[in-house]
Amino acid sequence: MNGPIDPNSWQYRQINARAPGLSYLASALINLVEEGHPILVGTADLQYSNGLVRFAQRFPERFTQFGISEQNMVSAAAGMATTGAMPFVATFASFLALLCCEQIRTDVAYSALPVRLIGHHAGISLGFYGTSHHATEDLAIMRSIADLTVVAPADGPQLAAAVKASVNHARPIYFRIGRGQEPVVYEDGVDFQFGKSIVHGEGSDLTIIACGSMVHPSREAYRALRAAGKSVGLIDMHTIKPLDTKAVLAAAAHSRFILTIEEHNILGGLGGAVAEILAEAGSPARLIRHGIRDEYSLIAPPTHLYKHYRLDSAGIEATALKALG
């Protein structure tokens, strides 16, 4: 591995100022090592993009820079896990879920190994880097792999809580996270349980079910709708698999509409998972899936893309109001 950038240099300050949310990842992993857990960390030439340079500086003997070799990284992580280690490997979500799908399925999940796969800069958060770097299929791919838990934390504090909780999880996990610029939703030390959603409120008109980067704008829309007199609920469905079935059915029992919000294709992700639950239960609640409507996402700065696809608070509020008619 090349020598890390000096923490006092302008390059280091600039890189880390861009992604404050990702600082929680390195901090959480450093804390786990200090607590005595057998953590190993790897990345594919992106330690400055995901903030893991801090872990590399603190525990260089536990860090591996794999270079632009994502498939090899995942297979190597599987091998590390067979020795009793708990490897965390990170790269762009588009590369991890699509390029490494075979290695994740066969080397990691089929073997039921405790590998933690961290797909960062998910969804359309890489903006102008182009469609090849956008991850709008990863939830659908990962949730279709047997024995793989799929999690999309809303912000840095929830990511740190999920990483901490993972040490008691014996099976592999896919963490889907943004670019570290997501507004904070939760305080440090937030409670996190795999498969247990967080209910922010209940409503008889409509319940918004959101995950990951969409929790914050959904919460802003939820507050605006309630201020306008609408009976609206909000659920943070941070675990896409296993889905909190009880929370979905409870919302469907007292809401006329269920509105899923995801920075992902509306096919196969959060909306698809909720649709399966509602259909199997024969729920009368009407489902509206809001996200990217089965297309290759455009190329533009992230803020422009969120507005274009109505994945900002104003777009989500407008979508809810249209549903309510």
C-alpha atoms as a PDB file:
ATOM      1  CA  MET A   1       0.000   0.000   0.000  1.00  0.00           C
ATOM      2  CA  ASN A   2       1.205   3.516  -0.748  1.00  0.00           C
ATOM      3  CA  GLY A   3       1.892   5.795   2.215  1.00  0.00           C
ATOM      4  CA  PRO A   4      -1.284   7.427   3.547  1.00  0.00           C
ATOM      5  CA  ILE A   5      -1.947  11.103   3.008  1.00  0.00           C
ATOM      6  CA  ASP A   6      -0.721  13.262   5.892  1.00  0.00           C
ATOM      7  CA  PRO A   7      -3.756  14.131   8.102  1.00  0.00           C
ATOM      8  CA  ASN A   8      -2.452  17.705   8.241  1.00  0.00           C
ATOM      9  CA  SER A   9      -2.340  18.112   4.461  1.00  0.00           C
ATOM     10  CA  TRP A  10      -4.933  19.998   2.438  1.00  0.00           C
ATOM     11  CA  GLN A  11      -5.691  16.826   0.441  1.00  0.00           C
ATOM     12  CA  TYR A  12      -6.679  14.919   3.563  1.00  0.00           C
ATOM     13  CA  ARG A  13      -8.783  17.790   4.899  1.00  0.00           C
ATOM     14  CA  GLN A  14     -10.525  18.253   1.560  1.00  0.00           C
ATOM     15  CA  ILE A  15     -11.317  14.564   1.113  1.00  0.00           C
ATOM     16  CA  ASN A  16     -12.691  14.100   4.599  1.00  0.00           C
ATOM     17  CA  ALA A  17     -14.625  17.369   4.600  1.00  0.00           C
ATOM     18  CA  ARG A  18     -16.620  16.010   1.690  1.00  0.00           C
ATOM     19  CA  ALA A  19     -17.881  12.949   3.527  1.00  0.00           C
ATOM     20  CA  PRO A  20     -18.392  13.583   7.246  1.00  0.00           C
ATOM     21  CA  GLY A  21     -20.907  10.727   7.491  1.00  0.00           C
ATOM     22  CA  LEU A  22     -18.331   8.172   6.383  1.00  0.00           C
ATOM     23  CA  SER A  23     -16.073   9.081   9.309  1.00  0.00           C
ATOM     24  CA  TYR A  24     -18.438   6.971  11.420  1.00  0.00           C
ATOM     25  CA  LEU A  25     -17.393   3.858   9.513  1.00  0.00           C
ATOM     26  CA  ALA A  26     -13.702   4.074  10.363  1.00  0.00           C
ATOM     27  CA  SER A  27     -14.456   5.133  13.944  1.00  0.00           C
ATOM     28  CA  ALA A  28     -16.813   2.200  14.487  1.00  0.00           C
ATOM     29  CA  LEU A  29     -14.289  -0.299  13.130  1.00  0.00           C
ATOM     30  CA  ILE A  30     -11.457   1.170  15.204  1.00  0.00           C
ATOM     31  CA  ASN A  31     -13.634   0.880  18.306  1.00  0.00           C
ATOM     32  CA  LEU A  32     -14.418  -2.769  17.565  1.00  0.00           C
ATOM     33  CA  VAL A  33     -10.717  -3.625  17.290  1.00  0.00           C
ATOM     34  CA  GLU A  34     -10.008  -1.799  20.537  1.00  0.00           C
ATOM     35  CA  GLU A  35     -12.757  -3.874  22.161  1.00  0.00           C
ATOM     36  CA  GLY A  36     -10.954  -7.041  21.079  1.00  0.00           C
ATOM     37  CA  HIS A  37     -12.992  -8.156  18.071  1.00  0.00           C
ATOM     38  CA  PRO A  38     -11.131  -9.936  15.223  1.00  0.00           C
ATOM     39  CA  ILE A  39     -11.765  -7.203  12.657  1.00  0.00           C
ATOM     40  CA  LEU A  40      -9.904  -7.062   9.340  1.00  0.00           C
ATOM     41  CA  VAL A  41     -10.537  -4.327   6.784  1.00  0.00           C
ATOM     42  CA  GLY A  42      -9.964  -4.069   3.061  1.00  0.00           C
ATOM     43  CA  THR A  43     -10.791  -1.729   0.217  1.00  0.00           C
ATOM     44  CA  ALA A  44     -10.269  -1.526  -3.524  1.00  0.00           C
ATOM     45  CA  ASP A  45      -8.204   1.626  -4.022  1.00  0.00           C
ATOM     46  CA  LEU A  46     -10.804   3.791  -2.255  1.00  0.00           C
ATOM     47  CA  GLN A  47      -9.515   4.291   1.290  1.00  0.00           C
ATOM     48  CA  TYR A  48      -9.695   8.060   0.864  1.00  0.00           C
ATOM     49  CA  SER A  49     -13.191   7.988  -0.646  1.00  0.00           C
ATOM     50  CA  ASN A  50     -14.638   5.858   2.151  1.00  0.00           C
ATOM     51  CA  GLY A  51     -12.544   7.269   5.001  1.00  0.00           C
ATOM     52  CA  LEU A  52     -10.903   3.939   5.843  1.00  0.00           C
ATOM     53  CA  VAL A  53      -7.493   5.597   5.644  1.00  0.00           C
ATOM     54  CA  ARG A  54      -7.991   6.388   9.344  1.00  0.00           C
ATOM     55  CA  PHE A  55      -8.337   2.697  10.115  1.00  0.00           C
ATOM     56  CA  ALA A  56      -5.281   1.923   7.977  1.00  0.00           C
ATOM     57  CA  GLN A  57      -3.218   4.442   9.909  1.00  0.00           C
ATOM     58  CA  ARG A  58      -4.370   3.121  13.266  1.00  0.00           C
ATOM     59  CA  PHE A  59      -4.119  -0.606  12.485  1.00  0.00           C
ATOM     60  CA  PRO A  60      -1.959  -1.075   9.356  1.00  0.00           C
ATOM     61  CA  GLU A  61      -1.471  -4.769  10.140  1.00  0.00           C
ATOM     62  CA  ARG A  62      -5.250  -5.300   9.900  1.00  0.00           C
ATOM     63  CA  PHE A  63      -5.751  -3.364   6.666  1.00  0.00           C
ATOM     64  CA  THR A  64      -5.308  -4.552   3.079  1.00  0.00           C
ATOM     65  CA  GLN A  65      -5.296  -2.336  -0.003  1.00  0.00           C
ATOM     66  CA  PHE A  66      -6.427  -4.640  -2.807  1.00  0.00           C
ATOM     67  CA  GLY A  67      -6.151  -2.104  -5.596  1.00  0.00           C
ATOM     68  CA  ILE A  68      -8.656  -2.167  -8.435  1.00  0.00           C
ATOM     69  CA  SER A  69      -9.399  -5.837  -7.853  1.00  0.00           C
ATOM     70  CA  GLU A  70     -12.848  -5.981  -6.269  1.00  0.00           C
ATOM     71  CA  GLN A  71     -13.648  -9.618  -7.063  1.00  0.00           C
ATOM     72  CA  ASN A  72     -10.341 -10.750  -5.596  1.00  0.00           C
ATOM     73  CA  MET A  73     -11.071  -8.621  -2.515  1.00  0.00           C
ATOM     74  CA  VAL A  74     -14.388 -10.371  -1.856  1.00  0.00           C
ATOM     75  CA  SER A  75     -12.930 -13.848  -2.344  1.00  0.00           C
ATOM     76  CA  ALA A  76      -9.971 -12.977  -0.117  1.00  0.00           C
ATOM     77  CA  ALA A  77     -12.399 -11.741   2.544  1.00  0.00           C
ATOM     78  CA  ALA A  78     -14.171 -15.091   2.404  1.00  0.00           C
ATOM     79  CA  GLY A  79     -10.835 -16.809   2.961  1.00  0.00           C
ATOM     80  CA  MET A  80     -10.043 -14.523   5.899  1.00  0.00           C
ATOM     81  CA  ALA A  81     -13.417 -15.354   7.455  1.00  0.00           C
ATOM     82  CA  THR A  82     -12.611 -19.082   7.436  1.00  0.00           C
ATOM     83  CA  THR A  83      -9.743 -18.354   9.853  1.00  0.00           C
ATOM     84  CA  GLY A  84     -12.008 -16.831  12.500  1.00  0.00           C
ATOM     85  CA  ALA A  85     -11.653 -13.213  11.405  1.00  0.00           C
ATOM     86  CA  MET A  86     -14.531 -10.838  10.682  1.00  0.00           C
ATOM     87  CA  PRO A  87     -13.577  -8.996   7.480  1.00  0.00           C
ATOM     88  CA  PHE A  88     -15.139  -5.680   6.392  1.00  0.00           C
ATOM     89  CA  VAL A  89     -14.482  -4.882   2.730  1.00  0.00           C
ATOM     90  CA  ALA A  90     -15.588  -1.693   1.016  1.00  0.00           C
ATOM     91  CA  THR A  91     -15.876  -0.252  -2.467  1.00  0.00           C
ATOM     92  CA  PHE A  92     -18.393   1.624  -4.592  1.00  0.00           C
ATOM     93  CA  ALA A  93     -21.785  -0.100  -4.381  1.00  0.00           C
ATOM     94  CA  SER A  94     -22.026  -0.343  -8.170  1.00  0.00           C
ATOM     95  CA  PHE A  95     -18.798  -2.348  -8.302  1.00  0.00           C
ATOM     96  CA  LEU A  96     -19.499  -4.468  -5.236  1.00  0.00           C
ATOM     97  CA  ALA A  97     -23.047  -5.593  -6.044  1.00  0.00           C
ATOM     98  CA  LEU A  98     -22.741  -5.973  -9.806  1.00  0.00           C
ATOM     99  CA  LEU A  99     -19.117  -6.848 -10.496  1.00  0.00           C
ATOM    100  CA  CYS A 100     -18.714  -9.097  -7.434  1.00  0.00           C
ATOM    101  CA  CYS A 101     -22.132 -10.764  -7.458  1.00  0.00           C
ATOM    102  CA  GLU A 102     -20.720 -14.228  -8.202  1.00  0.00           C
ATOM    103  CA  GLN A 103     -18.096 -14.000  -5.452  1.00  0.00           C
ATOM    104  CA  ILE A 104     -20.653 -12.712  -2.948  1.00  0.00           C
ATOM    105  CA  ARG A 105     -23.103 -15.476  -3.738  1.00  0.00           C
ATOM    106  CA  THR A 106     -20.739 -18.441  -3.982  1.00  0.00           C
ATOM    107  CA  ASP A 107     -17.704 -17.577  -1.840  1.00  0.00           C
ATOM    108  CA  VAL A 108     -19.441 -15.597   0.920  1.00  0.00           C
ATOM    109  CA  ALA A 109     -23.181 -16.278   1.216  1.00  0.00           C
ATOM    110  CA  TYR A 110     -23.266 -19.929   0.123  1.00  0.00           C
ATOM    111  CA  SER A 111     -20.527 -20.611   2.646  1.00  0.00           C
ATOM    112  CA  ALA A 112     -22.384 -18.581   5.329  1.00  0.00           C
ATOM    113  CA  LEU A 113     -19.255 -16.628   6.236  1.00  0.00           C
ATOM    114  CA  PRO A 114     -19.336 -13.501   8.446  1.00  0.00           C
ATOM    115  CA  VAL A 115     -18.078 -11.128   5.766  1.00  0.00           C
ATOM    116  CA  ARG A 116     -19.329  -7.527   5.921  1.00  0.00           C
ATOM    117  CA  LEU A 117     -19.721  -6.039   2.442  1.00  0.00           C
ATOM    118  CA  ILE A 118     -19.840  -2.240   2.430  1.00  0.00           C
ATOM    119  CA  GLY A 119     -21.208  -0.710  -0.748  1.00  0.00           C
ATOM    120  CA  HIS A 120     -20.686   3.027  -0.433  1.00  0.00           C
ATOM    121  CA  HIS A 121     -21.659   5.891  -2.753  1.00  0.00           C
ATOM    122  CA  ALA A 122     -24.824   3.942  -3.535  1.00  0.00           C
ATOM    123  CA  GLY A 123     -27.766   4.993  -5.664  1.00  0.00           C
ATOM    124  CA  ILE A 124     -27.153   8.094  -7.777  1.00  0.00           C
ATOM    125  CA  SER A 125     -24.860   9.759  -5.247  1.00  0.00           C
ATOM    126  CA  LEU A 126     -21.852   9.636  -7.600  1.00  0.00           C
ATOM    127  CA  GLY A 127     -23.797  11.894  -9.938  1.00  0.00           C
ATOM    128  CA  PHE A 128     -21.586  13.070 -12.777  1.00  0.00           C
ATOM    129  CA  TYR A 129     -19.300  10.000 -12.596  1.00  0.00           C
ATOM    130  CA  GLY A 130     -21.872   8.353 -14.826  1.00  0.00           C
ATOM    131  CA  THR A 131     -24.239   5.440 -15.050  1.00  0.00           C
ATOM    132  CA  SER A 132     -21.435   2.888 -14.657  1.00  0.00           C
ATOM    133  CA  HIS A 133     -20.889   4.264 -11.144  1.00  0.00           C
ATOM    134  CA  HIS A 134     -24.553   4.528 -10.170  1.00  0.00           C
ATOM    135  CA  ALA A 135     -25.938   1.693  -8.061  1.00  0.00           C
ATOM    136  CA  THR A 136     -29.660   1.475  -8.743  1.00  0.00           C
ATOM    137  CA  GLU A 137     -29.877  -2.320  -8.923  1.00  0.00           C
ATOM    138  CA  ASP A 138     -27.863  -3.395  -5.889  1.00  0.00           C
ATOM    139  CA  LEU A 139     -30.741  -3.881  -3.433  1.00  0.00           C
ATOM    140  CA  ALA A 140     -32.545  -6.148  -5.892  1.00  0.00           C
ATOM    141  CA  ILE A 141     -29.402  -8.178  -6.531  1.00  0.00           C
ATOM    142  CA  MET A 142     -28.334  -8.514  -2.919  1.00  0.00           C
ATOM    143  CA  ARG A 143     -31.761  -9.342  -1.471  1.00  0.00           C
ATOM    144  CA  SER A 144     -32.111 -12.165  -4.008  1.00  0.00           C
ATOM    145  CA  ILE A 145     -29.033 -13.932  -2.594  1.00  0.00           C
ATOM    146  CA  ALA A 146     -29.932 -16.484   0.058  1.00  0.00           C
ATOM    147  CA  ASP A 147     -28.569 -16.069   3.581  1.00  0.00           C
ATOM    148  CA  LEU A 148     -27.459 -12.467   3.015  1.00  0.00           C
ATOM    149  CA  THR A 149     -28.727  -9.681   5.278  1.00  0.00           C
ATOM    150  CA  VAL A 150     -29.200  -6.343   3.488  1.00  0.00           C
ATOM    151  CA  VAL A 151     -29.034  -3.059   5.423  1.00  0.00           C
ATOM    152  CA  ALA A 152     -29.317   0.585   4.317  1.00  0.00           C
ATOM    153  CA  PRO A 153     -28.513   2.931   7.247  1.00  0.00           C
ATOM    154  CA  ALA A 154     -29.928   6.453   7.090  1.00  0.00           C
ATOM    155  CA  ASP A 155     -26.848   8.325   8.323  1.00  0.00           C
ATOM    156  CA  GLY A 156     -23.477   8.068  10.059  1.00  0.00           C
ATOM    157  CA  PRO A 157     -24.760   7.367  13.588  1.00  0.00           C
ATOM    158  CA  GLN A 158     -27.058   4.602  12.360  1.00  0.00           C
ATOM    159  CA  LEU A 159     -24.234   3.137  10.264  1.00  0.00           C
ATOM    160  CA  ALA A 160     -21.985   3.055  13.332  1.00  0.00           C
ATOM    161  CA  ALA A 161     -24.748   1.373  15.352  1.00  0.00           C
ATOM    162  CA  ALA A 162     -25.305  -1.216  12.623  1.00  0.00           C
ATOM    163  CA  VAL A 163     -21.583  -1.981  12.367  1.00  0.00           C
ATOM    164  CA  LYS A 164     -21.413  -2.424  16.130  1.00  0.00           C
ATOM    165  CA  ALA A 165     -24.476  -4.707  16.136  1.00  0.00           C
ATOM    166  CA  SER A 166     -22.973  -6.829  13.360  1.00  0.00           C
ATOM    167  CA  VAL A 167     -20.407  -8.422  15.671  1.00  0.00           C
ATOM    168  CA  ASN A 168     -23.251 -10.535  17.071  1.00  0.00           C
ATOM    169  CA  HIS A 169     -24.500 -11.487  13.609  1.00  0.00           C
ATOM    170  CA  ALA A 170     -23.085 -14.789  12.389  1.00  0.00           C
ATOM    171  CA  ARG A 171     -24.012 -14.475   8.722  1.00  0.00           C
ATOM    172  CA  PRO A 172     -22.839 -12.167   5.897  1.00  0.00           C
ATOM    173  CA  ILE A 173     -24.193  -8.623   5.618  1.00  0.00           C
ATOM    174  CA  TYR A 174     -24.409  -6.112   2.782  1.00  0.00           C
ATOM    175  CA  PHE A 175     -24.314  -2.515   4.021  1.00  0.00           C
ATOM    176  CA  ARG A 176     -25.622   0.017   1.516  1.00  0.00           C
ATOM    177  CA  ILE A 177     -24.504   3.530   2.343  1.00  0.00           C
ATOM    178  CA  GLY A 178     -24.303   6.900   0.620  1.00  0.00           C
ATOM    179  CA  ARG A 179     -21.421   9.256   0.029  1.00  0.00           C
ATOM    180  CA  GLY A 180     -21.247  10.571   3.589  1.00  0.00           C
ATOM    181  CA  GLN A 181     -23.042  13.846   2.886  1.00  0.00           C
ATOM    182  CA  GLU A 182     -26.439  12.686   4.099  1.00  0.00           C
ATOM    183  CA  PRO A 183     -27.977  14.972   6.752  1.00  0.00           C
ATOM    184  CA  VAL A 184     -28.006  13.519  10.243  1.00  0.00           C
ATOM    185  CA  VAL A 185     -31.261  11.862  11.287  1.00  0.00           C
ATOM    186  CA  TYR A 186     -30.244  10.153  14.528  1.00  0.00           C
ATOM    187  CA  GLU A 187     -28.107  10.965  17.519  1.00  0.00           C
ATOM    188  CA  ASP A 188     -24.933   9.039  18.312  1.00  0.00           C
ATOM    189  CA  GLY A 189     -25.667   5.764  20.073  1.00  0.00           C
ATOM    190  CA  VAL A 190     -29.017   5.199  18.345  1.00  0.00           C
ATOM    191  CA  ASP A 191     -30.467   1.749  18.994  1.00  0.00           C
ATOM    192  CA  PHE A 192     -30.180  -0.625  16.059  1.00  0.00           C
ATOM    193  CA  GLN A 193     -31.636  -4.099  15.576  1.00  0.00           C
ATOM    194  CA  PHE A 194     -31.400  -6.039  12.333  1.00  0.00           C
ATOM    195  CA  GLY A 195     -34.868  -6.637  10.913  1.00  0.00           C
ATOM    196  CA  LYS A 196     -36.545  -4.179  13.306  1.00  0.00           C
ATOM    197  CA  SER A 197     -37.645  -0.937  11.641  1.00  0.00           C
ATOM    198  CA  ILE A 198     -37.950   2.441  13.344  1.00  0.00           C
ATOM    199  CA  VAL A 199     -41.473   3.911  13.350  1.00  0.00           C
ATOM    200  CA  HIS A 200     -41.401   7.717  13.422  1.00  0.00           C
ATOM    201  CA  GLY A 201     -45.159   8.097  13.332  1.00  0.00           C
ATOM    202  CA  GLU A 202     -48.466   6.545  12.267  1.00  0.00           C
ATOM    203  CA  GLY A 203     -51.147   7.892   9.946  1.00  0.00           C
ATOM    204  CA  SER A 204     -54.515   6.842   8.576  1.00  0.00           C
ATOM    205  CA  ASP A 205     -54.125   8.552   5.193  1.00  0.00           C
ATOM    206  CA  LEU A 206     -50.692   7.365   4.141  1.00  0.00           C
ATOM    207  CA  THR A 207     -47.531   5.753   5.522  1.00  0.00           C
ATOM    208  CA  ILE A 208     -44.145   6.529   4.010  1.00  0.00           C
ATOM    209  CA  ILE A 209     -41.636   3.660   4.164  1.00  0.00           C
ATOM    210  CA  ALA A 210     -38.115   4.811   3.345  1.00  0.00           C
ATOM    211  CA  CYS A 211     -34.586   3.459   3.603  1.00  0.00           C
ATOM    212  CA  GLY A 212     -31.036   4.775   3.577  1.00  0.00           C
ATOM    213  CA  SER A 213     -30.433   8.230   2.163  1.00  0.00           C
ATOM    214  CA  MET A 214     -34.154   8.710   1.603  1.00  0.00           C
ATOM    215  CA  VAL A 215     -35.056   8.710   5.297  1.00  0.00           C
ATOM    216  CA  HIS A 216     -34.090  12.340   5.843  1.00  0.00           C
ATOM    217  CA  PRO A 217     -36.016  13.857   2.895  1.00  0.00           C
ATOM    218  CA  SER A 218     -38.930  11.547   3.706  1.00  0.00           C
ATOM    219  CA  ARG A 219     -38.934  12.836   7.269  1.00  0.00           C
ATOM    220  CA  GLU A 220     -39.000  16.420   5.995  1.00  0.00           C
ATOM    221  CA  ALA A 221     -41.925  15.582   3.702  1.00  0.00           C
ATOM    222  CA  TYR A 222     -43.674  13.724   6.535  1.00  0.00           C
ATOM    223  CA  ARG A 223     -43.420  16.773   8.782  1.00  0.00           C
ATOM    224  CA  ALA A 224     -44.713  19.091   6.061  1.00  0.00           C
ATOM    225  CA  LEU A 225     -47.657  16.808   5.306  1.00  0.00           C
ATOM    226  CA  ARG A 226     -48.607  16.550   8.955  1.00  0.00           C
ATOM    227  CA  ALA A 227     -48.346  20.323   9.318  1.00  0.00           C
ATOM    228  CA  ALA A 228     -50.786  20.575   6.400  1.00  0.00           C
ATOM    229  CA  GLY A 229     -53.285  18.437   8.281  1.00  0.00           C
ATOM    230  CA  LYS A 230     -52.641  15.093   6.597  1.00  0.00           C
ATOM    231  CA  SER A 231     -52.613  11.945   8.724  1.00  0.00           C
ATOM    232  CA  VAL A 232     -49.277  10.541   7.629  1.00  0.00           C
ATOM    233  CA  GLY A 233     -46.903   7.979   9.131  1.00  0.00           C
ATOM    234  CA  LEU A 234     -43.196   7.308   8.547  1.00  0.00           C
ATOM    235  CA  ILE A 235     -41.121   4.147   8.878  1.00  0.00           C
ATOM    236  CA  ASP A 236     -37.350   3.871   8.531  1.00  0.00           C
ATOM    237  CA  MET A 237     -36.997   0.402   6.987  1.00  0.00           C
ATOM    238  CA  HIS A 238     -33.229   0.223   7.425  1.00  0.00           C
ATOM    239  CA  THR A 239     -33.126  -3.554   6.991  1.00  0.00           C
ATOM    240  CA  ILE A 240     -34.315  -4.542   3.529  1.00  0.00           C
ATOM    241  CA  LYS A 241     -33.726  -8.215   4.254  1.00  0.00           C
ATOM    242  CA  PRO A 242     -35.104  -9.581   6.484  1.00  0.00           C
ATOM    243  CA  LEU A 243     -37.903  -7.041   6.119  1.00  0.00           C
ATOM    244  CA  ASP A 244     -39.909  -6.014   9.186  1.00  0.00           C
ATOM    245  CA  THR A 245     -43.105  -7.725   8.045  1.00  0.00           C
ATOM    246  CA  LYS A 246     -45.037  -6.801  11.192  1.00  0.00           C
ATOM    247  CA  ALA A 247     -44.349  -3.099  10.694  1.00  0.00           C
ATOM    248  CA  VAL A 248     -45.441  -3.225   7.046  1.00  0.00           C
ATOM    249  CA  LEU A 249     -48.680  -5.030   7.821  1.00  0.00           C
ATOM    250  CA  ALA A 250     -49.418  -2.778  10.801  1.00  0.00           C
ATOM    251  CA  ALA A 251     -49.025   0.281   8.578  1.00  0.00           C
ATOM    252  CA  ALA A 252     -51.198  -1.278   5.886  1.00  0.00           C
ATOM    253  CA  ALA A 253     -53.886  -2.029   8.474  1.00  0.00           C
ATOM    254  CA  HIS A 254     -54.408   1.615   9.387  1.00  0.00           C
ATOM    255  CA  SER A 255     -53.303   3.517   6.242  1.00  0.00           C
ATOM    256  CA  ARG A 256     -55.083   3.767   2.908  1.00  0.00           C
ATOM    257  CA  PHE A 257     -51.803   4.211   1.037  1.00  0.00           C
ATOM    258  CA  ILE A 258     -48.274   2.881   1.464  1.00  0.00           C
ATOM    259  CA  LEU A 259     -45.588   4.970  -0.242  1.00  0.00           C
ATOM    260  CA  THR A 260     -42.110   3.441  -0.529  1.00  0.00           C
ATOM    261  CA  ILE A 261     -39.162   5.779  -1.139  1.00  0.00           C
ATOM    262  CA  GLU A 262     -35.812   4.489  -2.351  1.00  0.00           C
ATOM    263  CA  GLU A 263     -32.748   5.747  -4.221  1.00  0.00           C
ATOM    264  CA  HIS A 264     -32.982   2.702  -6.447  1.00  0.00           C
ATOM    265  CA  ASN A 265     -34.914   1.234  -9.330  1.00  0.00           C
ATOM    266  CA  ILE A 266     -38.521   0.693  -8.213  1.00  0.00           C
ATOM    267  CA  LEU A 267     -38.135  -2.935  -9.331  1.00  0.00           C
ATOM    268  CA  GLY A 268     -36.780  -5.423  -6.832  1.00  0.00           C
ATOM    269  CA  GLY A 269     -35.675  -3.111  -4.038  1.00  0.00           C
ATOM    270  CA  LEU A 270     -37.581  -1.761  -1.039  1.00  0.00           C
ATOM    271  CA  GLY A 271     -40.784  -1.242  -3.039  1.00  0.00           C
ATOM    272  CA  GLY A 272     -40.624  -4.764  -4.410  1.00  0.00           C
ATOM    273  CA  ALA A 273     -40.039  -6.238  -0.956  1.00  0.00           C
ATOM    274  CA  VAL A 274     -43.015  -4.336   0.503  1.00  0.00           C
ATOM    275  CA  ALA A 275     -45.185  -5.335  -2.481  1.00  0.00           C
ATOM    276  CA  GLU A 276     -44.465  -9.005  -1.832  1.00  0.00           C
ATOM    277  CA  ILE A 277     -45.533  -8.707   1.800  1.00  0.00           C
ATOM    278  CA  LEU A 278     -48.748  -6.843   0.988  1.00  0.00           C
ATOM    279  CA  ALA A 279     -49.693  -9.199  -1.854  1.00  0.00           C
ATOM    280  CA  GLU A 280     -49.135 -12.354   0.193  1.00  0.00           C
ATOM    281  CA  ALA A 281     -51.173 -10.918   3.071  1.00  0.00           C
ATOM    282  CA  GLY A 282     -53.982  -9.789   0.771  1.00  0.00           C
ATOM    283  CA  SER A 283     -53.765  -6.248   2.139  1.00  0.00           C
ATOM    284  CA  PRO A 284     -56.295  -3.712   0.778  1.00  0.00           C
ATOM    285  CA  ALA A 285     -53.817  -0.841   1.183  1.00  0.00           C
ATOM    286  CA  ARG A 286     -52.701   0.655  -2.100  1.00  0.00           C
ATOM    287  CA  LEU A 287     -48.945   0.627  -2.700  1.00  0.00           C
ATOM    288  CA  ILE A 288     -47.082   3.371  -4.560  1.00  0.00           C
ATOM    289  CA  ARG A 289     -43.403   2.733  -5.307  1.00  0.00           C
ATOM    290  CA  HIS A 290     -41.349   5.890  -5.684  1.00  0.00           C
ATOM    291  CA  GLY A 291     -37.801   5.826  -6.962  1.00  0.00           C
ATOM    292  CA  ILE A 292     -36.109   5.538 -10.344  1.00  0.00           C
ATOM    293  CA  ARG A 293     -38.676   4.147 -12.739  1.00  0.00           C
ATOM    294  CA  ASP A 294     -36.830   1.334 -14.495  1.00  0.00           C
ATOM    295  CA  GLU A 295     -34.353   3.439 -16.427  1.00  0.00           C
ATOM    296  CA  TYR A 296     -30.636   4.108 -16.502  1.00  0.00           C
ATOM    297  CA  SER A 297     -30.132   7.161 -14.347  1.00  0.00           C
ATOM    298  CA  LEU A 298     -29.048  10.415 -15.921  1.00  0.00           C
ATOM    299  CA  ILE A 299     -25.640  12.019 -15.414  1.00  0.00           C
ATOM    300  CA  ALA A 300     -25.579  15.224 -13.377  1.00  0.00           C
ATOM    301  CA  PRO A 301     -24.592  16.506  -9.920  1.00  0.00           C
ATOM    302  CA  PRO A 302     -26.395  14.512  -7.199  1.00  0.00           C
ATOM    303  CA  THR A 303     -28.503  17.465  -6.064  1.00  0.00           C
ATOM    304  CA  HIS A 304     -29.841  17.901  -9.588  1.00  0.00           C
ATOM    305  CA  LEU A 305     -30.563  14.186  -9.906  1.00  0.00           C
ATOM    306  CA  TYR A 306     -32.476  14.046  -6.626  1.00  0.00           C
ATOM    307  CA  LYS A 307     -34.638  16.941  -7.787  1.00  0.00           C
ATOM    308  CA  HIS A 308     -35.142  15.425 -11.253  1.00  0.00           C
ATOM    309  CA  TYR A 309     -36.257  12.074  -9.864  1.00  0.00           C
ATOM    310  CA  ARG A 310     -38.348  13.782  -7.130  1.00  0.00           C
ATOM    311  CA  LEU A 311     -36.237  12.168  -4.425  1.00  0.00           C
ATOM    312  CA  ASP A 312     -35.852  15.383  -2.466  1.00  0.00           C
ATOM    313  CA  SER A 313     -38.297  16.405   0.251  1.00  0.00           C
ATOM    314  CA  ALA A 314     -40.386  18.545  -2.111  1.00  0.00           C
ATOM    315  CA  GLY A 315     -40.662  15.709  -4.624  1.00  0.00           C
ATOM    316  CA  ILE A 316     -41.638  13.181  -1.985  1.00  0.00           C
ATOM    317  CA  GLU A 317     -44.245  15.567  -0.536  1.00  0.00           C
ATOM    318  CA  ALA A 318     -45.701  16.161  -4.007  1.00  0.00           C
ATOM    319  CA  THR A 319     -45.837  12.429  -4.686  1.00  0.00           C
ATOM    320  CA  ALA A 320     -47.710  11.842  -1.434  1.00  0.00           C
ATOM    321  CA  LEU A 321     -50.188  14.654  -2.134  1.00  0.00           C
ATOM    322  CA  LYS A 322     -50.861  13.301  -5.613  1.00  0.00           C
ATOM    323  CA  ALA A 323     -51.607   9.888  -4.118  1.00  0.00           C
ATOM    324  CA  LEU A 324     -54.037  11.409  -1.640  1.00  0.00           C
ATOM    325  CA  GLY A 325     -55.731  13.260  -4.466  1.00  0.00           C
END
